[in-house]
Amino acid sequence: MRIARFSIDGNVAFGAVEGDSPDDLVIDIIKGIPFADFELSGTKIPLTSSDSKERVRLLPPVLPSKIVAIGRNYAEHAKEMGNEVPEVPVTFFKPSTSVIGPGDPIAYPSFSEELHHEAELAVVISRMCREVPRERAKDVILGYTCANDVTARDVQRRESQWARAKGFDSSCPLGPWVETELDPADVTIQCTVNGQQRQLGRTSDMVRSVEDLIVHITEAMTLLPGDVILTGTPAGVGPLHVGDEVAVTIEGIGTLTNKVIKRG
C-alpha cells in the first residue's frame, strides 16, 4: 500500500494512493492514522486532475520527531569522499524542521557555496520501539520512502559537527508517499539533476542492512511512530545550483522531485 499525507482545500489527511499511471492516481482517504488500525473510507479523490474542484497537494508523508541519518553506508560513496568504511555506523540527526515534501523548494542556504544532493532510501517507523532485536526489526517498520539528504558540503568540511551542514531548513525532502510492501534488500536508487543521471546504485550495496541499522540506533534511543531513518547514499553525489530540479527515484516506491531556489 502507498500511504500519502496530503492536503485538500487546507484540510490535512492520510490516504492510500491507488492507480498505476501518473495521470490516473487517486487517493482513498484513510479513517484515522496509519500508525494504528485504520480503514479506508471509500472516498476517492483524483491526485492529478485539471478539472477537479478539489485542490490536492502532497505533503511530506510523515512529520517525524527526529530523522536519524547514517553516513558512509555505501563503500563507493565513502571512497569518493576520501574515507574508509567506518567500523561502526556514522550516525547524525536532521531536525524535523528540515523536512519538506514533494514539489517543495530546496532553499539554498546563504552560508554555503557548495550544495550537494544525496539520494537515499528512508525507513519510516510504525511504533514506539527501543532495543529492537534483529529478528523483530521488520515489526517496527511502517514502510519506505524516497529521501534527499541535501548537504552543504563546504560547511560539512569545515565544521566538525554536521548540524548546520545537514540540518538547515529544507535539507530533508521526503516523499512522495510511504510504500508498505517494499522489500528493501535490493532495489535501485537513482538521482537525476535537470534530467541528467548523477547517482545510480542498489540497496544491496549497503554496508549495513536496514535491520542492522534499526538494532544499532535503538540500542541508544527510543524511536517514535513516524520517525525516519536515512540509510546512506550511493556514489555520485554532486553539486546543486539555484534553478536545478533534482529527482530521487527508488524502484518500487516512486519519484521525489524538488527544485532549488535562492533562499529569500
C-alpha atoms as a PDB file:
ATOM      1  CA  MET A   1       0.000   0.000   0.000  1.00  0.00           C
ATOM      2  CA  ARG A   2       1.152   3.532  -0.798  1.00  0.00           C
ATOM      3  CA  ILE A   3       0.261   5.827   2.098  1.00  0.00           C
ATOM      4  CA  ALA A   4       0.316   9.540   1.384  1.00  0.00           C
ATOM      5  CA  ARG A   5      -0.220  12.584   3.552  1.00  0.00           C
ATOM      6  CA  PHE A   6      -1.989  15.340   1.674  1.00  0.00           C
ATOM      7  CA  SER A   7      -3.985  18.499   1.956  1.00  0.00           C
ATOM      8  CA  ILE A   8      -7.207  19.292   0.187  1.00  0.00           C
ATOM      9  CA  ASP A   9      -8.524  22.817   0.380  1.00  0.00           C
ATOM     10  CA  GLY A  10      -6.483  23.345   3.532  1.00  0.00           C
ATOM     11  CA  ASN A  11      -7.539  20.129   5.310  1.00  0.00           C
ATOM     12  CA  VAL A  12      -4.791  17.571   6.015  1.00  0.00           C
ATOM     13  CA  ALA A  13      -5.388  13.814   5.924  1.00  0.00           C
ATOM     14  CA  PHE A  14      -3.769  10.480   5.132  1.00  0.00           C
ATOM     15  CA  GLY A  15      -4.833   8.331   2.222  1.00  0.00           C
ATOM     16  CA  ALA A  16      -3.996   5.244   0.190  1.00  0.00           C
ATOM     17  CA  VAL A  17      -2.756   6.028  -3.310  1.00  0.00           C
ATOM     18  CA  GLU A  18      -4.284   3.817  -5.992  1.00  0.00           C
ATOM     19  CA  GLY A  19      -3.576   3.504  -9.701  1.00  0.00           C
ATOM     20  CA  ASP A  20      -0.609   2.811 -11.959  1.00  0.00           C
ATOM     21  CA  SER A  21      -0.435   5.726 -14.377  1.00  0.00           C
ATOM     22  CA  PRO A  22       0.638   9.140 -13.019  1.00  0.00           C
ATOM     23  CA  ASP A  23      -2.405  10.642 -14.734  1.00  0.00           C
ATOM     24  CA  ASP A  24      -4.864   8.197 -13.130  1.00  0.00           C
ATOM     25  CA  LEU A  25      -3.780   8.226  -9.466  1.00  0.00           C
ATOM     26  CA  VAL A  26      -6.489   8.597  -6.830  1.00  0.00           C
ATOM     27  CA  ILE A  27      -6.331   8.862  -3.033  1.00  0.00           C
ATOM     28  CA  ASP A  28      -8.707   6.811  -0.885  1.00  0.00           C
ATOM     29  CA  ILE A  29      -8.988   8.797   2.352  1.00  0.00           C
ATOM     30  CA  ILE A  30      -7.957   6.881   5.479  1.00  0.00           C
ATOM     31  CA  LYS A  31     -10.167   6.869   8.562  1.00  0.00           C
ATOM     32  CA  GLY A  32      -7.662   7.508  11.344  1.00  0.00           C
ATOM     33  CA  ILE A  33      -3.890   7.454  11.081  1.00  0.00           C
ATOM     34  CA  PRO A  34      -1.566   4.852   9.538  1.00  0.00           C
ATOM     35  CA  PHE A  35       0.264   4.204  12.827  1.00  0.00           C
ATOM     36  CA  ALA A  36      -2.759   2.360  14.255  1.00  0.00           C
ATOM     37  CA  ASP A  37      -5.550   0.190  12.902  1.00  0.00           C
ATOM     38  CA  PHE A  38      -7.352   2.104  10.185  1.00  0.00           C
ATOM     39  CA  GLU A  39      -9.952   1.708   7.487  1.00  0.00           C
ATOM     40  CA  LEU A  40     -10.253   3.137   4.011  1.00  0.00           C
ATOM     41  CA  SER A  41     -13.211   5.461   3.748  1.00  0.00           C
ATOM     42  CA  GLY A  42     -14.011   4.670   0.134  1.00  0.00           C
ATOM     43  CA  THR A  43     -13.970   8.391  -0.610  1.00  0.00           C
ATOM     44  CA  LYS A  44     -11.580   8.746  -3.528  1.00  0.00           C
ATOM     45  CA  ILE A  45     -10.086  11.969  -4.819  1.00  0.00           C
ATOM     46  CA  PRO A  46      -8.069  12.338  -8.043  1.00  0.00           C
ATOM     47  CA  LEU A  47      -4.471  13.185  -7.260  1.00  0.00           C
ATOM     48  CA  THR A  48      -3.978  14.957 -10.575  1.00  0.00           C
ATOM     49  CA  SER A  49      -6.974  16.365 -12.362  1.00  0.00           C
ATOM     50  CA  SER A  50      -7.138  19.619 -14.253  1.00  0.00           C
ATOM     51  CA  ASP A  51     -10.936  19.823 -13.977  1.00  0.00           C
ATOM     52  CA  SER A  52     -11.272  18.736 -10.350  1.00  0.00           C
ATOM     53  CA  LYS A  53     -12.774  21.286  -7.959  1.00  0.00           C
ATOM     54  CA  GLU A  54     -10.665  19.867  -5.142  1.00  0.00           C
ATOM     55  CA  ARG A  55      -7.096  21.070  -4.892  1.00  0.00           C
ATOM     56  CA  VAL A  56      -4.951  18.150  -3.729  1.00  0.00           C
ATOM     57  CA  ARG A  57      -1.349  18.714  -2.640  1.00  0.00           C
ATOM     58  CA  LEU A  58       1.022  16.003  -1.498  1.00  0.00           C
ATOM     59  CA  LEU A  59       2.770  16.811   1.773  1.00  0.00           C
ATOM     60  CA  PRO A  60       5.758  15.156   3.447  1.00  0.00           C
ATOM     61  CA  PRO A  61       4.420  11.634   4.082  1.00  0.00           C
ATOM     62  CA  VAL A  62       5.231  11.895   7.802  1.00  0.00           C
ATOM     63  CA  LEU A  63       6.216  14.582  10.309  1.00  0.00           C
ATOM     64  CA  PRO A  64       8.988  12.830  12.265  1.00  0.00           C
ATOM     65  CA  SER A  65      10.059  13.825  15.744  1.00  0.00           C
ATOM     66  CA  LYS A  66      13.585  13.109  14.509  1.00  0.00           C
ATOM     67  CA  ILE A  67      15.447  11.913  11.446  1.00  0.00           C
ATOM     68  CA  VAL A  68      18.331   9.584  12.253  1.00  0.00           C
ATOM     69  CA  ALA A  69      20.754   9.531   9.332  1.00  0.00           C
ATOM     70  CA  ILE A  70      23.588   7.154   8.525  1.00  0.00           C
ATOM     71  CA  GLY A  71      26.796   8.241   6.807  1.00  0.00           C
ATOM     72  CA  ARG A  72      29.189   6.198   4.664  1.00  0.00           C
ATOM     73  CA  ASN A  73      26.906   3.171   4.360  1.00  0.00           C
ATOM     74  CA  TYR A  74      27.970   2.575   0.732  1.00  0.00           C
ATOM     75  CA  ALA A  75      31.629   1.715   0.219  1.00  0.00           C
ATOM     76  CA  GLU A  76      31.928   3.573  -3.096  1.00  0.00           C
ATOM     77  CA  HIS A  77      30.466   6.744  -1.606  1.00  0.00           C
ATOM     78  CA  ALA A  78      32.870   6.548   1.333  1.00  0.00           C
ATOM     79  CA  LYS A  79      35.702   6.178  -1.193  1.00  0.00           C
ATOM     80  CA  GLU A  80      34.626   9.146  -3.331  1.00  0.00           C
ATOM     81  CA  MET A  81      34.622  11.296  -0.182  1.00  0.00           C
ATOM     82  CA  GLY A  82      38.130  10.137   0.708  1.00  0.00           C
ATOM     83  CA  ASN A  83      37.021   7.993   3.644  1.00  0.00           C
ATOM     84  CA  GLU A  84      37.156   4.358   4.694  1.00  0.00           C
ATOM     85  CA  VAL A  85      34.047   2.401   5.610  1.00  0.00           C
ATOM     86  CA  PRO A  86      33.671   3.021   9.358  1.00  0.00           C
ATOM     87  CA  GLU A  87      33.833   0.184  11.880  1.00  0.00           C
ATOM     88  CA  VAL A  88      30.521   1.353  13.335  1.00  0.00           C
ATOM     89  CA  PRO A  89      27.820   3.342  11.542  1.00  0.00           C
ATOM     90  CA  VAL A  90      28.307   7.111  11.400  1.00  0.00           C
ATOM     91  CA  THR A  91      25.085   8.452  12.908  1.00  0.00           C
ATOM     92  CA  PHE A  92      23.774  12.014  12.887  1.00  0.00           C
ATOM     93  CA  PHE A  93      20.465  13.880  13.138  1.00  0.00           C
ATOM     94  CA  LYS A  94      18.455  16.089  10.855  1.00  0.00           C
ATOM     95  CA  PRO A  95      15.798  18.130  12.679  1.00  0.00           C
ATOM     96  CA  SER A  96      12.093  17.923  11.958  1.00  0.00           C
ATOM     97  CA  THR A  97      12.266  21.487  10.600  1.00  0.00           C
ATOM     98  CA  SER A  98      14.476  20.260   7.744  1.00  0.00           C
ATOM     99  CA  VAL A  99      11.632  18.195   6.243  1.00  0.00           C
ATOM    100  CA  ILE A 100       9.851  19.241   3.060  1.00  0.00           C
ATOM    101  CA  GLY A 101       7.598  17.294   0.712  1.00  0.00           C
ATOM    102  CA  PRO A 102       7.386  16.516  -2.995  1.00  0.00           C
ATOM    103  CA  GLY A 103       7.411  19.643  -5.106  1.00  0.00           C
ATOM    104  CA  ASP A 104       8.507  21.867  -2.244  1.00  0.00           C
ATOM    105  CA  PRO A 105      11.543  24.074  -2.908  1.00  0.00           C
ATOM    106  CA  ILE A 106      15.017  23.427  -1.509  1.00  0.00           C
ATOM    107  CA  ALA A 107      16.242  26.821  -0.315  1.00  0.00           C
ATOM    108  CA  TYR A 108      19.968  27.248  -0.996  1.00  0.00           C
ATOM    109  CA  PRO A 109      21.480  28.269   2.364  1.00  0.00           C
ATOM    110  CA  SER A 110      23.163  31.661   2.439  1.00  0.00           C
ATOM    111  CA  PHE A 111      26.132  30.298   4.432  1.00  0.00           C
ATOM    112  CA  SER A 112      27.147  27.724   1.791  1.00  0.00           C
ATOM    113  CA  GLU A 113      28.623  27.798  -1.698  1.00  0.00           C
ATOM    114  CA  GLU A 114      28.632  24.034  -2.315  1.00  0.00           C
ATOM    115  CA  LEU A 115      25.283  22.305  -2.020  1.00  0.00           C
ATOM    116  CA  HIS A 116      25.131  18.561  -2.810  1.00  0.00           C
ATOM    117  CA  HIS A 117      22.358  16.023  -3.411  1.00  0.00           C
ATOM    118  CA  GLU A 118      22.358  12.617  -1.684  1.00  0.00           C
ATOM    119  CA  ALA A 119      19.639  10.185  -2.807  1.00  0.00           C
ATOM    120  CA  GLU A 120      18.651   7.761  -0.051  1.00  0.00           C
ATOM    121  CA  LEU A 121      16.173   5.081   0.952  1.00  0.00           C
ATOM    122  CA  ALA A 122      14.254   6.254   4.022  1.00  0.00           C
ATOM    123  CA  VAL A 123      12.727   3.915   6.597  1.00  0.00           C
ATOM    124  CA  VAL A 124       9.533   5.067   8.349  1.00  0.00           C
ATOM    125  CA  ILE A 125       8.959   3.705  11.862  1.00  0.00           C
ATOM    126  CA  SER A 126       5.488   2.445  12.774  1.00  0.00           C
ATOM    127  CA  ARG A 127       5.547   2.218  16.566  1.00  0.00           C
ATOM    128  CA  MET A 128       7.439   3.305  19.653  1.00  0.00           C
ATOM    129  CA  CYS A 129      10.427   0.993  19.999  1.00  0.00           C
ATOM    130  CA  ARG A 130      13.673   0.605  21.907  1.00  0.00           C
ATOM    131  CA  GLU A 131      16.366  -2.095  21.955  1.00  0.00           C
ATOM    132  CA  VAL A 132      14.830  -3.892  18.994  1.00  0.00           C
ATOM    133  CA  PRO A 133      16.325  -7.367  18.331  1.00  0.00           C
ATOM    134  CA  ARG A 134      17.278  -8.002  14.724  1.00  0.00           C
ATOM    135  CA  GLU A 135      14.618 -10.655  14.222  1.00  0.00           C
ATOM    136  CA  ARG A 136      11.925  -8.138  15.230  1.00  0.00           C
ATOM    137  CA  ALA A 137      13.205  -5.187  13.210  1.00  0.00           C
ATOM    138  CA  LYS A 138      10.630  -5.578  10.436  1.00  0.00           C
ATOM    139  CA  ASP A 139       7.842  -5.391  13.019  1.00  0.00           C
ATOM    140  CA  VAL A 140       8.613  -1.722  13.729  1.00  0.00           C
ATOM    141  CA  ILE A 141       8.688  -0.590  10.075  1.00  0.00           C
ATOM    142  CA  LEU A 142       5.650   1.087   8.528  1.00  0.00           C
ATOM    143  CA  GLY A 143       7.303   1.314   5.123  1.00  0.00           C
ATOM    144  CA  TYR A 144       9.785   3.144   2.957  1.00  0.00           C
ATOM    145  CA  THR A 145      10.002   6.429   1.072  1.00  0.00           C
ATOM    146  CA  CYS A 146      12.476   8.454  -1.006  1.00  0.00           C
ATOM    147  CA  ALA A 147      14.756  10.973   0.651  1.00  0.00           C
ATOM    148  CA  ASN A 148      17.351  13.533  -0.335  1.00  0.00           C
ATOM    149  CA  ASP A 149      19.960  14.226   2.355  1.00  0.00           C
ATOM    150  CA  VAL A 150      20.786  17.665   0.952  1.00  0.00           C
ATOM    151  CA  THR A 151      24.190  18.709   2.292  1.00  0.00           C
ATOM    152  CA  ALA A 152      26.162  21.933   2.472  1.00  0.00           C
ATOM    153  CA  ARG A 153      29.420  20.154   1.656  1.00  0.00           C
ATOM    154  CA  ASP A 154      31.763  23.064   2.307  1.00  0.00           C
ATOM    155  CA  VAL A 155      30.203  23.584   5.721  1.00  0.00           C
ATOM    156  CA  GLN A 156      30.484  19.869   6.459  1.00  0.00           C
ATOM    157  CA  ARG A 157      34.217  20.010   5.730  1.00  0.00           C
ATOM    158  CA  ARG A 158      34.942  22.983   7.946  1.00  0.00           C
ATOM    159  CA  GLU A 159      32.668  22.227  10.915  1.00  0.00           C
ATOM    160  CA  SER A 160      33.317  19.111  12.987  1.00  0.00           C
ATOM    161  CA  GLN A 161      29.628  18.749  13.840  1.00  0.00           C
ATOM    162  CA  TRP A 162      27.256  18.387  10.883  1.00  0.00           C
ATOM    163  CA  ALA A 163      24.224  20.111  12.409  1.00  0.00           C
ATOM    164  CA  ARG A 164      24.324  23.145  10.095  1.00  0.00           C
ATOM    165  CA  ALA A 165      25.662  21.304   7.051  1.00  0.00           C
ATOM    166  CA  LYS A 166      22.848  18.754   7.047  1.00  0.00           C
ATOM    167  CA  GLY A 167      20.159  20.257   9.262  1.00  0.00           C
ATOM    168  CA  PHE A 168      19.263  23.557   7.633  1.00  0.00           C
ATOM    169  CA  ASP A 169      15.668  24.283   6.646  1.00  0.00           C
ATOM    170  CA  SER A 170      14.527  22.307   3.557  1.00  0.00           C
ATOM    171  CA  SER A 171      17.542  19.931   3.663  1.00  0.00           C
ATOM    172  CA  CYS A 172      15.411  16.785   4.008  1.00  0.00           C
ATOM    173  CA  PRO A 173      12.933  16.272   1.164  1.00  0.00           C
ATOM    174  CA  LEU A 174      10.776  13.159   1.761  1.00  0.00           C
ATOM    175  CA  GLY A 175       8.135  11.514  -0.419  1.00  0.00           C
ATOM    176  CA  PRO A 176       6.119  11.146  -2.443  1.00  0.00           C
ATOM    177  CA  TRP A 177       4.478   8.539  -0.168  1.00  0.00           C
ATOM    178  CA  VAL A 178       5.268   5.578   2.084  1.00  0.00           C
ATOM    179  CA  GLU A 179       5.331   2.172   0.366  1.00  0.00           C
ATOM    180  CA  THR A 180       4.441  -0.505   2.929  1.00  0.00           C
ATOM    181  CA  GLU A 181       5.089  -3.599   0.781  1.00  0.00           C
ATOM    182  CA  LEU A 182       8.644  -2.923  -0.393  1.00  0.00           C
ATOM    183  CA  ASP A 183      11.455  -5.438   0.129  1.00  0.00           C
ATOM    184  CA  PRO A 184      14.414  -3.061   0.585  1.00  0.00           C
ATOM    185  CA  ALA A 185      17.146  -5.667   0.181  1.00  0.00           C
ATOM    186  CA  ASP A 186      17.940  -4.984  -3.493  1.00  0.00           C
ATOM    187  CA  VAL A 187      16.237  -2.048  -5.216  1.00  0.00           C
ATOM    188  CA  THR A 188      17.632   0.657  -7.464  1.00  0.00           C
ATOM    189  CA  ILE A 189      18.272   4.185  -6.182  1.00  0.00           C
ATOM    190  CA  GLN A 190      18.703   6.914  -8.789  1.00  0.00           C
ATOM    191  CA  CYS A 191      19.227  10.657  -8.680  1.00  0.00           C
ATOM    192  CA  THR A 192      18.891  12.996 -11.635  1.00  0.00           C
ATOM    193  CA  VAL A 193      19.526  16.730 -11.870  1.00  0.00           C
ATOM    194  CA  ASN A 194      17.716  18.510 -14.710  1.00  0.00           C
ATOM    195  CA  GLY A 195      17.057  15.080 -16.208  1.00  0.00           C
ATOM    196  CA  GLN A 196      20.726  14.024 -16.210  1.00  0.00           C
ATOM    197  CA  GLN A 197      21.649  10.972 -14.159  1.00  0.00           C
ATOM    198  CA  ARG A 198      24.023  11.664 -11.271  1.00  0.00           C
ATOM    199  CA  GLN A 199      23.615   8.683  -8.939  1.00  0.00           C
ATOM    200  CA  LEU A 200      22.726   5.065  -9.656  1.00  0.00           C
ATOM    201  CA  GLY A 201      23.082   2.364  -7.034  1.00  0.00           C
ATOM    202  CA  ARG A 202      21.370  -0.573  -5.392  1.00  0.00           C
ATOM    203  CA  THR A 203      20.451  -1.081  -1.775  1.00  0.00           C
ATOM    204  CA  SER A 204      22.197  -4.466  -1.918  1.00  0.00           C
ATOM    205  CA  ASP A 205      25.433  -2.448  -1.832  1.00  0.00           C
ATOM    206  CA  MET A 206      24.683  -1.027   1.618  1.00  0.00           C
ATOM    207  CA  VAL A 207      27.372  -1.947   4.121  1.00  0.00           C
ATOM    208  CA  ARG A 208      24.767  -2.442   6.836  1.00  0.00           C
ATOM    209  CA  SER A 209      21.194  -3.533   6.213  1.00  0.00           C
ATOM    210  CA  VAL A 210      18.023  -1.828   7.360  1.00  0.00           C
ATOM    211  CA  GLU A 211      17.688  -4.402  10.146  1.00  0.00           C
ATOM    212  CA  ASP A 212      21.251  -3.794  11.327  1.00  0.00           C
ATOM    213  CA  LEU A 213      20.661  -0.043  11.429  1.00  0.00           C
ATOM    214  CA  ILE A 214      17.479  -0.364  13.476  1.00  0.00           C
ATOM    215  CA  VAL A 215      19.291  -2.554  16.010  1.00  0.00           C
ATOM    216  CA  HIS A 216      22.194  -0.104  16.216  1.00  0.00           C
ATOM    217  CA  ILE A 217      20.031   3.012  16.597  1.00  0.00           C
ATOM    218  CA  THR A 218      17.556   1.585  19.111  1.00  0.00           C
ATOM    219  CA  GLU A 219      20.369   0.408  21.360  1.00  0.00           C
ATOM    220  CA  ALA A 220      20.779   4.099  22.156  1.00  0.00           C
ATOM    221  CA  MET A 221      17.415   5.782  21.725  1.00  0.00           C
ATOM    222  CA  THR A 222      13.684   5.324  21.505  1.00  0.00           C
ATOM    223  CA  LEU A 223      12.125   5.710  18.088  1.00  0.00           C
ATOM    224  CA  LEU A 224       8.579   7.033  17.809  1.00  0.00           C
ATOM    225  CA  PRO A 225       5.858   6.455  15.193  1.00  0.00           C
ATOM    226  CA  GLY A 226       6.721   8.489  12.116  1.00  0.00           C
ATOM    227  CA  ASP A 227      10.416   8.771  12.884  1.00  0.00           C
ATOM    228  CA  VAL A 228      12.659   8.339   9.855  1.00  0.00           C
ATOM    229  CA  ILE A 229      15.969   6.567   9.304  1.00  0.00           C
ATOM    230  CA  LEU A 230      18.076   7.648   6.309  1.00  0.00           C
ATOM    231  CA  THR A 231      20.127   4.637   5.223  1.00  0.00           C
ATOM    232  CA  GLY A 232      23.004   6.319   3.384  1.00  0.00           C
ATOM    233  CA  THR A 233      23.673   7.338  -0.200  1.00  0.00           C
ATOM    234  CA  PRO A 234      25.392   5.565  -3.098  1.00  0.00           C
ATOM    235  CA  ALA A 235      28.299   7.112  -5.011  1.00  0.00           C
ATOM    236  CA  GLY A 236      27.817  10.005  -7.392  1.00  0.00           C
ATOM    237  CA  VAL A 237      26.894  12.865  -5.085  1.00  0.00           C
ATOM    238  CA  GLY A 238      27.365  16.241  -6.699  1.00  0.00           C
ATOM    239  CA  PRO A 239      26.511  19.925  -6.814  1.00  0.00           C
ATOM    240  CA  LEU A 240      23.151  21.637  -6.911  1.00  0.00           C
ATOM    241  CA  HIS A 241      22.601  25.193  -8.103  1.00  0.00           C
ATOM    242  CA  VAL A 242      19.721  27.629  -7.927  1.00  0.00           C
ATOM    243  CA  GLY A 243      17.232  26.671 -10.635  1.00  0.00           C
ATOM    244  CA  ASP A 244      18.150  22.971 -10.681  1.00  0.00           C
ATOM    245  CA  GLU A 245      15.458  20.313 -10.486  1.00  0.00           C
ATOM    246  CA  VAL A 246      16.613  17.274  -8.534  1.00  0.00           C
ATOM    247  CA  ALA A 247      14.727  13.959  -8.589  1.00  0.00           C
ATOM    248  CA  VAL A 248      15.246  10.866  -6.428  1.00  0.00           C
ATOM    249  CA  THR A 249      13.708   7.670  -7.808  1.00  0.00           C
ATOM    250  CA  ILE A 250      13.610   4.393  -5.890  1.00  0.00           C
ATOM    251  CA  GLU A 251      12.420   1.203  -7.530  1.00  0.00           C
ATOM    252  CA  GLY A 252       9.093   0.103  -6.107  1.00  0.00           C
ATOM    253  CA  ILE A 253       8.337   3.471  -4.486  1.00  0.00           C
ATOM    254  CA  GLY A 254       8.303   6.329  -6.981  1.00  0.00           C
ATOM    255  CA  THR A 255       9.974   9.683  -7.597  1.00  0.00           C
ATOM    256  CA  LEU A 256      10.575  12.638  -5.290  1.00  0.00           C
ATOM    257  CA  THR A 257      11.185  15.894  -7.170  1.00  0.00           C
ATOM    258  CA  ASN A 258      12.243  19.283  -5.795  1.00  0.00           C
ATOM    259  CA  LYS A 259      13.605  22.490  -7.267  1.00  0.00           C
ATOM    260  CA  VAL A 260      16.432  24.540  -5.801  1.00  0.00           C
ATOM    261  CA  ILE A 261      15.661  28.198  -5.165  1.00  0.00           C
ATOM    262  CA  LYS A 262      17.548  31.132  -3.725  1.00  0.00           C
ATOM    263  CA  ARG A 263      16.887  31.496  -0.030  1.00  0.00           C
ATOM    264  CA  GLY A 264      14.816  34.629   0.433  1.00  0.00           C
END
